[in-house]
Amino acid sequence: MKSIKFLFTGLLMATLLFNCGGDKKKEEPEEKMTLGGSKTEEKKVDSNVAELVLVGDDMMKFNTNELKVKAGQKVKLTLRHKGKMDVNVMGHNFVLLNQGVDLMAFGTKAAIARDTKYIPADSKADIIVHTELIGGGQTTSIEFDAPAAGTYDFLCSFPGHYALMKGKFIVE
């Protein structure tokens, strides 16, 4: 009977140790008190910089087809390729076109511009900004000033991708 009590007590202690210990506390955002006594989260984010993240995959899709910023705002755009395929098979980039540029005509011209990583050399006037071409698991970023208010097209210029990997860049 004593051995059963001892075994039961040991099991209870072990269970309590496993369930109560080892938890790591989640890091809480820094809080600061305002003059009125309320708490606010302290963020070290510059409101003049729009930080955008665009994600592409091996299924020739971006995670969004609409990006919004304010006119004249500094933009930091990060392009991530969450797929696994090589840049030569399933490369992705972000190309922001000037207003009035025919997306299909640009995409067709880009498809044969292999030597310039699918950015047509004679189309510099059509492009506001573009990222490098990346493959699966890679990330690239660019910084630029948002153009004038309006709606602009963006696309991936890798051959054939512009049909699915496109969207609107809205400047308010």
N, C-alpha and C. Protein backbone atom coordinates (compact mmCIF):
# COMPACT_ATOMS: atom_id res chain seq x y z
N MET A 1 0.82 -1.17 0.00
CA MET A 1 0.00 0.00 0.00
C MET A 1 0.88 1.26 0.00
N LYS A 2 1.99 1.20 0.79
CA LYS A 2 2.90 2.34 0.83
C LYS A 2 3.52 2.57 -0.53
N SER A 3 3.85 1.50 -1.24
CA SER A 3 4.48 1.66 -2.55
C SER A 3 3.50 2.26 -3.56
N ILE A 4 2.22 1.97 -3.48
CA ILE A 4 1.22 2.56 -4.38
C ILE A 4 1.11 4.05 -4.09
N LYS A 5 1.06 4.44 -2.81
CA LYS A 5 0.99 5.86 -2.45
C LYS A 5 2.24 6.58 -2.94
N PHE A 6 3.39 5.94 -2.77
CA PHE A 6 4.66 6.54 -3.20
C PHE A 6 4.67 6.71 -4.72
N LEU A 7 4.22 5.70 -5.46
CA LEU A 7 4.16 5.75 -6.91
C LEU A 7 3.18 6.83 -7.37
N PHE A 8 2.02 6.88 -6.74
CA PHE A 8 1.01 7.87 -7.08
C PHE A 8 1.53 9.29 -6.80
N THR A 9 2.17 9.51 -5.68
CA THR A 9 2.74 10.82 -5.34
C THR A 9 3.83 11.20 -6.35
N GLY A 10 4.66 10.26 -6.74
CA GLY A 10 5.72 10.50 -7.73
C GLY A 10 5.14 10.91 -9.08
N LEU A 11 4.10 10.21 -9.51
CA LEU A 11 3.45 10.54 -10.77
C LEU A 11 2.81 11.93 -10.72
N LEU A 12 2.18 12.25 -9.61
CA LEU A 12 1.55 13.55 -9.44
C LEU A 12 2.60 14.66 -9.48
N MET A 13 3.73 14.45 -8.83
CA MET A 13 4.81 15.45 -8.82
C MET A 13 5.37 15.64 -10.24
N ALA A 14 5.59 14.53 -10.94
CA ALA A 14 6.14 14.60 -12.30
C ALA A 14 5.18 15.33 -13.23
N THR A 15 3.89 15.05 -13.09
CA THR A 15 2.88 15.72 -13.91
C THR A 15 2.88 17.22 -13.65
N LEU A 16 2.94 17.60 -12.40
CA LEU A 16 2.96 19.02 -12.05
C LEU A 16 4.21 19.72 -12.59
N LEU A 17 5.35 19.05 -12.49
CA LEU A 17 6.59 19.63 -13.01
C LEU A 17 6.53 19.84 -14.51
N PHE A 18 6.03 18.87 -15.26
CA PHE A 18 5.96 18.99 -16.72
C PHE A 18 4.94 20.04 -17.16
N ASN A 19 3.83 20.13 -16.45
CA ASN A 19 2.77 21.07 -16.84
C ASN A 19 3.04 22.49 -16.40
N CYS A 20 3.78 22.68 -15.37
CA CYS A 20 3.99 24.03 -14.84
C CYS A 20 5.31 24.64 -15.27
N GLY A 21 6.28 23.84 -15.61
CA GLY A 21 7.59 24.39 -15.91
C GLY A 21 7.85 24.46 -17.41
N GLY A 22 8.88 25.18 -17.76
CA GLY A 22 9.35 25.19 -19.13
C GLY A 22 8.65 26.14 -20.08
N ASP A 23 7.59 26.78 -19.65
CA ASP A 23 6.91 27.73 -20.53
C ASP A 23 7.73 28.99 -20.65
N LYS A 24 7.93 29.40 -21.88
CA LYS A 24 8.60 30.68 -22.10
C LYS A 24 7.54 31.75 -22.22
N LYS A 25 7.77 32.83 -21.56
CA LYS A 25 6.82 33.93 -21.64
C LYS A 25 6.91 34.57 -23.01
N LYS A 26 5.73 34.94 -23.55
CA LYS A 26 5.72 35.66 -24.80
C LYS A 26 6.23 37.06 -24.55
N GLU A 27 7.01 37.53 -25.51
CA GLU A 27 7.52 38.89 -25.35
C GLU A 27 6.38 39.87 -25.61
N GLU A 28 6.14 40.68 -24.66
CA GLU A 28 5.08 41.69 -24.78
C GLU A 28 5.66 42.95 -25.39
N PRO A 29 4.85 43.65 -26.20
CA PRO A 29 5.35 44.91 -26.74
C PRO A 29 5.60 45.90 -25.61
N GLU A 30 6.60 46.73 -25.81
CA GLU A 30 6.89 47.73 -24.81
C GLU A 30 5.71 48.66 -24.65
N GLU A 31 5.35 48.97 -23.43
CA GLU A 31 4.26 49.89 -23.20
C GLU A 31 4.80 51.12 -22.53
N LYS A 32 4.15 52.23 -22.81
CA LYS A 32 4.53 53.44 -22.11
C LYS A 32 3.25 54.13 -21.67
N MET A 33 3.36 54.90 -20.64
CA MET A 33 2.20 55.61 -20.12
C MET A 33 2.11 56.97 -20.80
N THR A 34 0.89 57.34 -21.16
CA THR A 34 0.69 58.68 -21.70
C THR A 34 0.34 59.59 -20.54
N LEU A 35 0.25 60.88 -20.81
CA LEU A 35 -0.05 61.83 -19.74
C LEU A 35 -1.39 61.54 -19.08
N GLY A 36 -2.35 61.04 -19.85
CA GLY A 36 -3.67 60.73 -19.29
C GLY A 36 -3.70 59.45 -18.49
N GLY A 37 -2.59 58.73 -18.45
CA GLY A 37 -2.53 57.52 -17.65
C GLY A 37 -2.86 56.26 -18.43
N SER A 38 -3.20 56.37 -19.72
CA SER A 38 -3.51 55.17 -20.48
C SER A 38 -2.24 54.58 -21.08
N LYS A 39 -2.28 53.30 -21.37
CA LYS A 39 -1.12 52.62 -21.92
C LYS A 39 -1.24 52.60 -23.44
N THR A 40 -0.12 52.77 -24.12
CA THR A 40 -0.08 52.65 -25.57
C THR A 40 1.13 51.82 -25.96
N GLU A 41 1.03 51.13 -27.09
CA GLU A 41 2.17 50.39 -27.58
C GLU A 41 3.15 51.35 -28.21
N GLU A 42 4.41 51.19 -27.88
CA GLU A 42 5.44 52.02 -28.48
C GLU A 42 5.96 51.31 -29.71
N LYS A 43 5.73 51.91 -30.87
CA LYS A 43 6.19 51.33 -32.12
C LYS A 43 7.27 52.20 -32.70
N LYS A 44 8.31 51.56 -33.19
CA LYS A 44 9.40 52.30 -33.80
C LYS A 44 9.24 52.24 -35.31
N VAL A 45 8.07 52.69 -35.79
CA VAL A 45 7.75 52.67 -37.21
C VAL A 45 7.62 54.10 -37.68
N ASP A 46 8.29 54.43 -38.76
CA ASP A 46 8.21 55.75 -39.35
C ASP A 46 6.93 55.82 -40.17
N SER A 47 6.01 56.70 -39.81
CA SER A 47 4.74 56.81 -40.52
C SER A 47 4.92 57.35 -41.93
N ASN A 48 6.09 57.87 -42.25
CA ASN A 48 6.35 58.36 -43.59
C ASN A 48 6.88 57.28 -44.52
N VAL A 49 7.05 56.07 -44.01
CA VAL A 49 7.55 54.96 -44.82
C VAL A 49 6.49 53.87 -44.87
N ALA A 50 6.09 53.52 -46.09
CA ALA A 50 5.15 52.41 -46.27
C ALA A 50 5.98 51.15 -46.48
N GLU A 51 5.87 50.21 -45.54
CA GLU A 51 6.60 48.96 -45.67
C GLU A 51 5.64 47.90 -46.21
N LEU A 52 5.88 47.50 -47.46
CA LEU A 52 5.03 46.54 -48.13
C LEU A 52 5.78 45.22 -48.32
N VAL A 53 5.05 44.13 -48.17
CA VAL A 53 5.63 42.81 -48.41
C VAL A 53 4.75 42.11 -49.44
N LEU A 54 5.37 41.66 -50.51
CA LEU A 54 4.68 40.95 -51.58
C LEU A 54 5.31 39.57 -51.66
N VAL A 55 4.47 38.53 -51.66
CA VAL A 55 4.96 37.16 -51.63
C VAL A 55 4.52 36.42 -52.88
N GLY A 56 5.48 35.80 -53.56
CA GLY A 56 5.18 34.96 -54.71
C GLY A 56 5.45 33.51 -54.37
N ASP A 57 4.89 32.60 -55.19
CA ASP A 57 5.08 31.18 -54.91
C ASP A 57 5.32 30.40 -56.19
N ASP A 58 5.42 29.09 -56.07
CA ASP A 58 5.66 28.23 -57.22
C ASP A 58 4.41 28.01 -58.06
N MET A 59 3.29 28.54 -57.64
CA MET A 59 2.04 28.41 -58.39
C MET A 59 1.76 29.66 -59.22
N MET A 60 2.78 30.49 -59.40
CA MET A 60 2.67 31.74 -60.18
C MET A 60 1.57 32.66 -59.62
N LYS A 61 1.63 32.90 -58.31
CA LYS A 61 0.66 33.78 -57.68
C LYS A 61 1.37 34.72 -56.71
N PHE A 62 0.89 35.97 -56.67
CA PHE A 62 1.26 36.88 -55.60
C PHE A 62 0.21 36.72 -54.50
N ASN A 63 0.58 37.06 -53.28
CA ASN A 63 -0.37 36.95 -52.17
C ASN A 63 -1.42 38.05 -52.18
N THR A 64 -1.24 39.08 -53.01
CA THR A 64 -2.23 40.15 -53.12
C THR A 64 -2.17 40.73 -54.52
N ASN A 65 -3.26 41.33 -54.94
CA ASN A 65 -3.27 41.98 -56.24
C ASN A 65 -3.52 43.48 -56.10
N GLU A 66 -3.34 43.99 -54.87
CA GLU A 66 -3.53 45.42 -54.62
C GLU A 66 -2.60 45.90 -53.52
N LEU A 67 -1.86 46.96 -53.82
CA LEU A 67 -0.98 47.60 -52.85
C LEU A 67 -1.36 49.07 -52.78
N LYS A 68 -1.41 49.64 -51.58
CA LYS A 68 -1.80 51.05 -51.42
C LYS A 68 -0.75 51.82 -50.64
N VAL A 69 -0.46 53.04 -51.12
CA VAL A 69 0.46 53.95 -50.45
C VAL A 69 -0.07 55.37 -50.64
N LYS A 70 0.60 56.32 -50.00
CA LYS A 70 0.24 57.73 -50.14
C LYS A 70 1.21 58.40 -51.11
N ALA A 71 0.73 59.36 -51.85
CA ALA A 71 1.55 60.08 -52.83
C ALA A 71 2.78 60.67 -52.15
N GLY A 72 3.94 60.51 -52.76
CA GLY A 72 5.18 61.06 -52.24
C GLY A 72 5.79 60.30 -51.07
N GLN A 73 5.07 59.31 -50.56
CA GLN A 73 5.55 58.54 -49.41
C GLN A 73 6.74 57.67 -49.81
N LYS A 74 7.68 57.51 -48.90
CA LYS A 74 8.80 56.59 -49.09
C LYS A 74 8.22 55.19 -49.00
N VAL A 75 8.58 54.33 -49.95
CA VAL A 75 8.07 52.96 -49.99
C VAL A 75 9.25 52.00 -49.88
N LYS A 76 9.12 51.04 -48.97
CA LYS A 76 10.08 49.94 -48.89
C LYS A 76 9.28 48.69 -49.22
N LEU A 77 9.58 48.12 -50.40
CA LEU A 77 8.87 46.93 -50.84
C LEU A 77 9.81 45.75 -50.75
N THR A 78 9.33 44.70 -50.06
CA THR A 78 10.09 43.46 -49.93
C THR A 78 9.35 42.39 -50.71
N LEU A 79 10.06 41.75 -51.62
CA LEU A 79 9.51 40.64 -52.40
C LEU A 79 10.11 39.35 -51.86
N ARG A 80 9.23 38.41 -51.50
CA ARG A 80 9.66 37.11 -51.00
C ARG A 80 9.13 36.03 -51.94
N HIS A 81 9.96 35.07 -52.23
CA HIS A 81 9.56 33.91 -53.04
C HIS A 81 9.51 32.73 -52.09
N LYS A 82 8.30 32.34 -51.72
CA LYS A 82 8.16 31.27 -50.72
C LYS A 82 8.20 29.87 -51.33
N GLY A 83 8.38 29.80 -52.65
CA GLY A 83 8.47 28.50 -53.31
C GLY A 83 9.83 27.86 -53.15
N LYS A 84 10.05 26.80 -53.89
CA LYS A 84 11.29 26.05 -53.81
C LYS A 84 12.02 26.00 -55.16
N MET A 85 11.35 26.39 -56.23
CA MET A 85 11.93 26.27 -57.56
C MET A 85 13.00 27.31 -57.83
N ASP A 86 13.96 26.94 -58.67
CA ASP A 86 15.09 27.78 -59.02
C ASP A 86 14.65 29.02 -59.81
N VAL A 87 15.46 30.05 -59.75
CA VAL A 87 15.18 31.31 -60.44
C VAL A 87 15.04 31.12 -61.95
N ASN A 88 15.74 30.16 -62.52
CA ASN A 88 15.66 29.92 -63.97
C ASN A 88 14.40 29.18 -64.39
N VAL A 89 13.71 28.60 -63.43
CA VAL A 89 12.49 27.85 -63.71
C VAL A 89 11.25 28.64 -63.28
N MET A 90 11.32 29.25 -62.11
CA MET A 90 10.16 29.95 -61.54
C MET A 90 10.63 31.24 -60.88
N GLY A 91 11.33 32.07 -61.63
CA GLY A 91 11.81 33.35 -61.11
C GLY A 91 10.68 34.35 -60.97
N HIS A 92 10.81 35.23 -59.98
CA HIS A 92 9.81 36.28 -59.77
C HIS A 92 10.51 37.61 -59.55
N ASN A 93 9.84 38.66 -59.98
CA ASN A 93 10.27 40.02 -59.68
C ASN A 93 9.02 40.89 -59.53
N PHE A 94 9.22 42.12 -59.17
CA PHE A 94 8.16 43.11 -59.06
C PHE A 94 8.54 44.25 -59.99
N VAL A 95 7.66 44.55 -60.94
CA VAL A 95 7.89 45.65 -61.87
C VAL A 95 6.70 46.59 -61.77
N LEU A 96 6.96 47.84 -61.44
CA LEU A 96 5.91 48.86 -61.35
C LEU A 96 5.97 49.69 -62.63
N LEU A 97 4.87 49.67 -63.37
CA LEU A 97 4.81 50.35 -64.66
C LEU A 97 4.24 51.76 -64.53
N ASN A 98 4.68 52.63 -65.39
CA ASN A 98 4.09 53.97 -65.48
C ASN A 98 2.64 53.85 -65.95
N GLN A 99 1.85 54.86 -65.66
CA GLN A 99 0.47 54.87 -66.12
C GLN A 99 0.46 54.89 -67.64
N GLY A 100 -0.51 54.20 -68.22
CA GLY A 100 -0.67 54.19 -69.67
C GLY A 100 0.13 53.12 -70.39
N VAL A 101 1.02 52.41 -69.68
CA VAL A 101 1.80 51.35 -70.31
C VAL A 101 0.92 50.11 -70.42
N ASP A 102 0.86 49.54 -71.62
CA ASP A 102 0.07 48.34 -71.87
C ASP A 102 0.75 47.15 -71.20
N LEU A 103 0.10 46.60 -70.20
CA LEU A 103 0.67 45.50 -69.41
C LEU A 103 0.97 44.28 -70.28
N MET A 104 0.06 43.91 -71.15
CA MET A 104 0.26 42.73 -72.00
C MET A 104 1.41 42.94 -72.98
N ALA A 105 1.48 44.12 -73.57
CA ALA A 105 2.57 44.41 -74.51
C ALA A 105 3.91 44.39 -73.79
N PHE A 106 3.95 44.96 -72.59
CA PHE A 106 5.18 44.96 -71.81
C PHE A 106 5.57 43.53 -71.45
N GLY A 107 4.61 42.73 -70.98
CA GLY A 107 4.88 41.35 -70.59
C GLY A 107 5.40 40.51 -71.75
N THR A 108 4.86 40.74 -72.93
CA THR A 108 5.30 40.03 -74.13
C THR A 108 6.74 40.39 -74.48
N LYS A 109 7.04 41.69 -74.40
CA LYS A 109 8.40 42.16 -74.69
C LYS A 109 9.39 41.65 -73.63
N ALA A 110 8.94 41.61 -72.38
CA ALA A 110 9.81 41.16 -71.29
C ALA A 110 10.16 39.69 -71.42
N ALA A 111 9.23 38.89 -71.95
CA ALA A 111 9.44 37.45 -72.06
C ALA A 111 10.65 37.07 -72.89
N ILE A 112 11.06 37.94 -73.81
CA ILE A 112 12.21 37.62 -74.66
C ILE A 112 13.48 38.36 -74.23
N ALA A 113 13.41 39.05 -73.10
CA ALA A 113 14.56 39.83 -72.62
C ALA A 113 15.37 39.05 -71.60
N ARG A 114 15.72 37.82 -71.96
CA ARG A 114 16.43 36.95 -71.02
C ARG A 114 17.77 37.53 -70.57
N ASP A 115 18.50 38.15 -71.50
CA ASP A 115 19.83 38.69 -71.18
C ASP A 115 19.80 39.81 -70.14
N THR A 116 18.66 40.49 -70.02
CA THR A 116 18.53 41.58 -69.04
C THR A 116 17.56 41.19 -67.92
N LYS A 117 17.50 39.89 -67.65
CA LYS A 117 16.67 39.33 -66.57
C LYS A 117 15.20 39.73 -66.72
N TYR A 118 14.72 39.71 -67.95
CA TYR A 118 13.33 39.94 -68.31
C TYR A 118 12.84 41.36 -68.03
N ILE A 119 13.78 42.29 -68.05
CA ILE A 119 13.47 43.73 -68.03
C ILE A 119 13.95 44.27 -69.38
N PRO A 120 13.02 44.55 -70.31
CA PRO A 120 13.43 45.01 -71.64
C PRO A 120 14.29 46.27 -71.58
N ALA A 121 15.45 46.22 -72.23
CA ALA A 121 16.40 47.35 -72.19
C ALA A 121 15.81 48.61 -72.79
N ASP A 122 14.94 48.46 -73.79
CA ASP A 122 14.36 49.65 -74.43
C ASP A 122 13.06 50.12 -73.77
N SER A 123 12.76 49.61 -72.57
CA SER A 123 11.52 49.97 -71.89
C SER A 123 11.75 50.71 -70.58
N LYS A 124 12.92 51.30 -70.41
CA LYS A 124 13.23 52.02 -69.16
C LYS A 124 12.20 53.11 -68.86
N ALA A 125 11.69 53.77 -69.91
CA ALA A 125 10.71 54.85 -69.72
C ALA A 125 9.35 54.31 -69.27
N ASP A 126 9.11 53.02 -69.46
CA ASP A 126 7.83 52.40 -69.07
C ASP A 126 7.81 51.99 -67.61
N ILE A 127 8.99 51.93 -66.97
CA ILE A 127 9.11 51.36 -65.63
C ILE A 127 9.43 52.44 -64.60
N ILE A 128 8.68 52.43 -63.51
CA ILE A 128 8.99 53.32 -62.39
C ILE A 128 10.12 52.72 -61.56
N VAL A 129 9.97 51.44 -61.23
CA VAL A 129 10.96 50.74 -60.40
C VAL A 129 10.75 49.23 -60.57
N HIS A 130 11.81 48.46 -60.32
CA HIS A 130 11.67 47.00 -60.34
C HIS A 130 12.68 46.40 -59.38
N THR A 131 12.37 45.18 -58.94
CA THR A 131 13.28 44.42 -58.07
C THR A 131 14.15 43.53 -58.94
N GLU A 132 15.09 42.88 -58.29
CA GLU A 132 15.89 41.84 -58.94
C GLU A 132 14.99 40.62 -59.14
N LEU A 133 15.39 39.74 -60.00
CA LEU A 133 14.72 38.47 -60.22
C LEU A 133 15.22 37.49 -59.16
N ILE A 134 14.29 36.83 -58.45
CA ILE A 134 14.67 35.91 -57.38
C ILE A 134 14.03 34.54 -57.58
N GLY A 135 14.64 33.52 -56.99
CA GLY A 135 14.13 32.15 -57.04
C GLY A 135 13.59 31.72 -55.68
N GLY A 136 13.14 30.49 -55.61
CA GLY A 136 12.55 29.93 -54.40
C GLY A 136 13.41 30.13 -53.16
N GLY A 137 12.77 30.59 -52.08
CA GLY A 137 13.46 30.81 -50.82
C GLY A 137 14.22 32.12 -50.72
N GLN A 138 14.22 32.92 -51.77
CA GLN A 138 14.97 34.17 -51.76
C GLN A 138 14.07 35.37 -51.47
N THR A 139 14.71 36.47 -51.07
CA THR A 139 14.03 37.72 -50.76
C THR A 139 14.86 38.87 -51.31
N THR A 140 14.18 39.90 -51.78
CA THR A 140 14.84 41.12 -52.24
C THR A 140 13.99 42.31 -51.84
N SER A 141 14.62 43.47 -51.69
CA SER A 141 13.90 44.69 -51.30
C SER A 141 14.34 45.86 -52.16
N ILE A 142 13.43 46.80 -52.33
CA ILE A 142 13.75 48.07 -53.00
C ILE A 142 13.10 49.20 -52.22
N GLU A 143 13.68 50.36 -52.32
CA GLU A 143 13.10 51.56 -51.73
C GLU A 143 12.96 52.61 -52.81
N PHE A 144 11.83 53.31 -52.78
CA PHE A 144 11.56 54.34 -53.77
C PHE A 144 10.50 55.29 -53.24
N ASP A 145 10.37 56.43 -53.87
CA ASP A 145 9.32 57.38 -53.52
C ASP A 145 8.09 57.07 -54.35
N ALA A 146 6.93 57.03 -53.70
CA ALA A 146 5.69 56.75 -54.42
C ALA A 146 5.46 57.82 -55.48
N PRO A 147 4.94 57.41 -56.63
CA PRO A 147 4.65 58.39 -57.69
C PRO A 147 3.42 59.22 -57.34
N ALA A 148 3.00 60.05 -58.27
CA ALA A 148 1.81 60.89 -58.09
C ALA A 148 0.57 60.03 -57.88
N ALA A 149 -0.45 60.62 -57.27
CA ALA A 149 -1.70 59.90 -57.01
C ALA A 149 -2.24 59.30 -58.30
N GLY A 150 -2.75 58.10 -58.19
CA GLY A 150 -3.31 57.40 -59.34
C GLY A 150 -3.18 55.90 -59.16
N THR A 151 -3.56 55.16 -60.18
CA THR A 151 -3.49 53.71 -60.15
C THR A 151 -2.49 53.25 -61.21
N TYR A 152 -1.58 52.40 -60.78
CA TYR A 152 -0.50 51.90 -61.62
C TYR A 152 -0.58 50.37 -61.64
N ASP A 153 -0.09 49.77 -62.72
CA ASP A 153 -0.02 48.31 -62.80
C ASP A 153 1.32 47.82 -62.30
N PHE A 154 1.30 46.67 -61.62
CA PHE A 154 2.55 45.97 -61.31
C PHE A 154 2.42 44.53 -61.79
N LEU A 155 3.56 43.90 -62.05
CA LEU A 155 3.58 42.55 -62.56
C LEU A 155 4.91 41.87 -62.28
N CYS A 156 4.92 40.57 -62.51
CA CYS A 156 6.16 39.80 -62.56
C CYS A 156 6.46 39.64 -64.04
N SER A 157 7.66 40.02 -64.46
CA SER A 157 7.98 40.01 -65.89
C SER A 157 8.66 38.71 -66.37
N PHE A 158 8.76 37.70 -65.50
CA PHE A 158 9.28 36.39 -65.94
C PHE A 158 8.33 35.87 -67.02
N PRO A 159 8.84 35.18 -68.06
CA PRO A 159 8.00 34.76 -69.18
C PRO A 159 6.70 34.07 -68.77
N GLY A 160 5.59 34.65 -69.23
CA GLY A 160 4.27 34.09 -68.99
C GLY A 160 3.65 34.41 -67.65
N HIS A 161 4.39 34.93 -66.72
CA HIS A 161 3.87 35.16 -65.36
C HIS A 161 2.89 36.34 -65.29
N TYR A 162 3.05 37.32 -66.16
CA TYR A 162 2.23 38.53 -66.05
C TYR A 162 0.73 38.23 -66.19
N ALA A 163 0.37 37.10 -66.79
CA ALA A 163 -1.05 36.76 -66.93
C ALA A 163 -1.72 36.53 -65.57
N LEU A 164 -0.95 35.99 -64.62
CA LEU A 164 -1.49 35.70 -63.28
C LEU A 164 -0.90 36.60 -62.20
N MET A 165 0.37 36.96 -62.36
CA MET A 165 1.06 37.70 -61.31
C MET A 165 1.08 39.20 -61.66
N LYS A 166 -0.05 39.82 -61.36
CA LYS A 166 -0.21 41.24 -61.66
C LYS A 166 -1.15 41.84 -60.63
N GLY A 167 -1.14 43.17 -60.58
CA GLY A 167 -2.04 43.83 -59.64
C GLY A 167 -2.00 45.33 -59.83
N LYS A 168 -2.70 46.00 -58.93
CA LYS A 168 -2.80 47.46 -58.96
C LYS A 168 -2.04 48.05 -57.79
N PHE A 169 -1.25 49.06 -58.11
CA PHE A 169 -0.50 49.83 -57.12
C PHE A 169 -1.24 51.16 -57.01
N ILE A 170 -1.96 51.35 -55.92
CA ILE A 170 -2.83 52.50 -55.77
C ILE A 170 -2.14 53.56 -54.92
N VAL A 171 -2.01 54.75 -55.47
CA VAL A 171 -1.39 55.87 -54.77
C VAL A 171 -2.49 56.87 -54.46
N GLU A 172 -2.71 57.11 -53.19
CA GLU A 172 -3.81 58.00 -52.76
C GLU A 172 -3.29 59.40 -52.47
